[in-house]
Amino acid sequence: MQERKWRRISRKLICKTRIVKVYLDHVALPNGKEIKDYSVVEKPSYVKMVPVDKRGRVLLMREYRHAQGKYLWETCGGFIDGKESPVEAAKRELAEETGFRKGTFKLIGTMSDYGSTDTHTGYIVLVTDIGNRGEAHLEETEGITGMKFVTKAQLKRMILDDQIESTATLGALAVAGVLF
């Protein structure tokens, strides 16, 4: 089957914040139809980690998420700054959010949260043998109130009980093979 891409006719910036840009694109579909107000959201790419200790347990954080209006259990992660590689960002974010500064970091995959409108990429980094915990240095918007190590069985139970709902966390756990 032949791939047929859309053609962008024009783009208008309608919102710009320190993190996000929202555009309205005028596009032509392969069938000739035009859409004059197709929304595109541009955000920085990010890293999502699956931190695992020497006993095979996964580290989860409980963090307040304003857009959801509640606390969520997630694995750690954050935006990639400037020219950082995903692994460099993972090392920085793990230390900032959890205080852990030691481990073996391996880029294992990528994901697109909502590819129909969002432009960013999520990079999945498996971090094994984490250790050497020091002090965390949270950003002002990070409302982390707890951390815990969970076994694979506990993790699966949390997912089945709807205690883990972040798509980035679920995707990272699946790619890391923790759910199978």
Protein backbone atom coordinates (compact mmCIF):
# COMPACT_ATOMS: atom_id res chain seq x y z
CA MET A 1 0.00 0.00 0.00
CA GLN A 2 1.35 3.40 -0.96
CA GLU A 3 1.96 5.85 1.89
CA ARG A 4 0.21 9.13 1.39
CA LYS A 5 1.08 12.03 3.65
CA TRP A 6 -0.85 15.15 4.45
CA ARG A 7 0.37 18.47 3.09
CA ARG A 8 0.53 21.52 5.34
CA ILE A 9 -0.71 24.62 3.53
CA SER A 10 -0.21 27.05 6.42
CA ARG A 11 0.38 27.18 10.16
CA LYS A 12 -0.76 29.75 12.72
CA LEU A 13 0.61 29.92 16.27
CA ILE A 14 -2.37 30.40 18.61
CA CYS A 15 -0.78 29.86 22.03
CA LYS A 16 2.76 29.90 23.40
CA THR A 17 3.86 29.22 26.98
CA ARG A 18 7.24 28.37 28.48
CA ILE A 19 6.55 24.67 27.78
CA VAL A 20 4.01 24.37 24.99
CA LYS A 21 3.08 25.84 21.62
CA VAL A 22 -0.30 25.21 20.02
CA TYR A 23 -0.77 25.67 16.28
CA LEU A 24 -3.73 25.61 13.92
CA ASP A 25 -2.67 24.02 10.66
CA HIS A 26 -4.47 24.30 7.35
CA VAL A 27 -3.83 20.90 5.75
CA ALA A 28 -4.68 19.05 2.56
CA LEU A 29 -5.47 15.36 2.94
CA PRO A 30 -4.35 12.82 0.32
CA ASN A 31 -7.95 12.63 -0.95
CA GLY A 32 -7.89 16.38 -1.70
CA LYS A 33 -10.09 17.46 1.21
CA GLU A 34 -8.80 20.41 3.24
CA ILE A 35 -9.01 20.94 7.00
CA LYS A 36 -8.47 24.56 8.00
CA ASP A 37 -8.18 24.13 11.79
CA TYR A 38 -6.17 21.01 12.58
CA SER A 39 -4.60 21.40 16.03
CA VAL A 40 -0.93 20.56 16.60
CA VAL A 41 0.70 20.67 20.05
CA GLU A 42 4.46 21.11 20.32
CA LYS A 43 6.10 20.14 23.62
CA PRO A 44 9.68 19.24 24.53
CA SER A 45 10.61 15.59 24.23
CA TYR A 46 10.95 13.75 27.51
CA VAL A 47 12.49 10.75 29.19
CA LYS A 48 10.58 8.15 31.21
CA MET A 49 12.56 5.74 33.34
CA VAL A 50 11.98 2.31 34.74
CA PRO A 51 14.28 2.30 37.81
CA VAL A 52 14.96 -1.19 39.19
CA ASP A 53 16.97 -2.12 42.29
CA LYS A 54 19.27 -5.12 42.76
CA ARG A 55 16.29 -7.18 44.01
CA GLY A 56 14.29 -6.55 40.81
CA ARG A 57 11.83 -4.13 42.40
CA VAL A 58 10.60 -1.08 40.49
CA LEU A 59 10.76 2.39 42.08
CA LEU A 60 7.50 4.35 41.94
CA MET A 61 6.81 7.93 42.99
CA ARG A 62 3.57 9.47 44.15
CA GLU A 63 3.31 12.91 42.57
CA TYR A 64 0.60 15.54 42.36
CA ARG A 65 -0.54 16.19 38.79
CA HIS A 66 -2.39 19.48 38.50
CA ALA A 67 -4.06 18.76 35.14
CA GLN A 68 -5.57 15.60 36.62
CA GLY A 69 -6.24 17.24 39.99
CA LYS A 70 -4.87 14.28 41.91
CA TYR A 71 -1.83 12.30 42.97
CA LEU A 72 -0.59 9.58 40.63
CA TRP A 73 1.84 6.69 41.10
CA GLU A 74 4.42 6.90 38.32
CA THR A 75 7.98 6.09 37.43
CA CYS A 76 10.25 9.13 37.30
CA GLY A 77 10.91 11.20 34.23
CA GLY A 78 11.01 14.69 32.82
CA PHE A 79 11.75 16.94 29.88
CA ILE A 80 15.01 16.65 28.00
CA ASP A 81 16.93 19.92 28.38
CA GLY A 82 18.60 21.47 25.34
CA LYS A 83 21.16 19.18 23.76
CA GLU A 84 20.98 16.46 26.45
CA SER A 85 20.78 12.87 25.30
CA PRO A 86 17.90 10.82 26.72
CA VAL A 87 20.35 8.94 28.97
CA GLU A 88 21.88 12.20 30.26
CA ALA A 89 18.38 13.51 30.99
CA ALA A 90 17.50 10.25 32.77
CA LYS A 91 20.58 10.53 35.03
CA ARG A 92 19.72 14.14 35.89
CA GLU A 93 16.02 13.48 36.48
CA LEU A 94 16.60 10.36 38.60
CA ALA A 95 18.97 12.30 40.87
CA GLU A 96 16.71 15.38 41.04
CA GLU A 97 13.48 13.51 41.74
CA THR A 98 14.64 10.58 43.87
CA GLY A 99 18.17 11.31 45.04
CA PHE A 100 19.49 8.09 43.44
CA ARG A 101 22.75 8.72 41.63
CA LYS A 102 23.99 5.28 40.70
CA GLY A 103 22.77 2.70 38.20
CA THR A 104 23.18 1.26 34.74
CA PHE A 105 21.24 3.37 32.23
CA LYS A 106 20.09 1.94 28.89
CA LEU A 107 17.86 3.54 26.26
CA ILE A 108 15.35 0.80 25.35
CA GLY A 109 12.68 2.49 23.25
CA THR A 110 10.58 5.46 22.24
CA MET A 111 6.90 6.30 22.39
CA SER A 112 4.47 8.84 21.03
CA ASP A 113 1.77 9.75 23.55
CA TYR A 114 -0.73 11.13 21.09
CA GLY A 115 0.77 11.02 17.61
CA SER A 116 -2.21 12.52 15.85
CA THR A 117 -1.67 15.96 17.38
CA ASP A 118 1.48 15.99 19.58
CA THR A 119 4.98 16.43 18.13
CA HIS A 120 7.17 15.31 21.03
CA THR A 121 8.84 11.93 21.61
CA GLY A 122 9.10 9.99 24.85
CA TYR A 123 12.35 8.09 25.39
CA ILE A 124 12.28 5.04 27.65
CA VAL A 125 15.35 4.37 29.77
CA LEU A 126 15.78 1.25 31.86
CA VAL A 127 17.88 1.93 34.97
CA THR A 128 19.12 -1.20 36.73
CA ASP A 129 20.96 -1.60 40.03
CA ILE A 130 20.01 1.85 41.29
CA GLY A 131 21.71 2.94 44.46
CA ASN A 132 23.79 5.62 46.21
CA ARG A 133 20.81 7.66 47.37
CA GLY A 134 21.44 11.26 48.29
CA GLU A 135 19.20 14.26 48.64
CA ALA A 136 16.58 14.94 45.96
CA HIS A 137 16.37 18.43 44.45
CA LEU A 138 12.79 18.90 43.29
CA GLU A 139 11.65 21.62 40.94
CA GLU A 140 8.95 23.90 42.34
CA THR A 141 6.25 22.17 40.28
CA GLU A 142 7.18 18.67 41.43
CA GLY A 143 4.84 17.60 44.21
CA ILE A 144 6.38 14.24 45.03
CA THR A 145 5.04 13.02 48.37
CA GLY A 146 6.24 9.45 48.45
CA MET A 147 8.37 6.75 46.89
CA LYS A 148 8.30 3.01 47.18
CA PHE A 149 9.85 -0.08 45.65
CA VAL A 150 7.34 -2.64 44.39
CA THR A 151 7.70 -6.19 43.12
CA LYS A 152 6.39 -7.18 39.71
CA ALA A 153 3.40 -8.86 41.38
CA GLN A 154 2.62 -5.70 43.39
CA LEU A 155 3.02 -3.58 40.26
CA LYS A 156 0.56 -5.73 38.30
CA ARG A 157 -1.92 -5.56 41.19
CA MET A 158 -1.61 -1.74 41.31
CA ILE A 159 -2.30 -1.55 37.57
CA LEU A 160 -5.32 -3.86 37.79
CA ASP A 161 -6.62 -1.81 40.73
CA ASP A 162 -6.29 1.43 38.65
CA GLN A 163 -3.61 2.81 40.96
CA ILE A 164 -1.25 3.42 38.01
CA GLU A 165 -2.88 5.34 35.17
CA SER A 166 -0.11 7.36 33.53
CA THR A 167 0.17 6.24 29.91
CA ALA A 168 3.87 7.15 29.83
CA THR A 169 4.51 5.01 32.92
CA LEU A 170 2.45 2.10 31.58
CA GLY A 171 4.19 2.30 28.19
CA ALA A 172 7.65 2.40 29.77
CA LEU A 173 6.86 -0.56 32.02
CA ALA A 174 5.57 -2.57 29.05
CA VAL A 175 8.61 -1.83 26.88
CA ALA A 176 10.93 -2.70 29.80
CA GLY A 177 9.23 -6.09 30.04
CA VAL A 178 8.17 -5.54 33.63
CA LEU A 179 4.52 -6.37 32.94
CA PHE A 180 5.07 -9.72 31.24
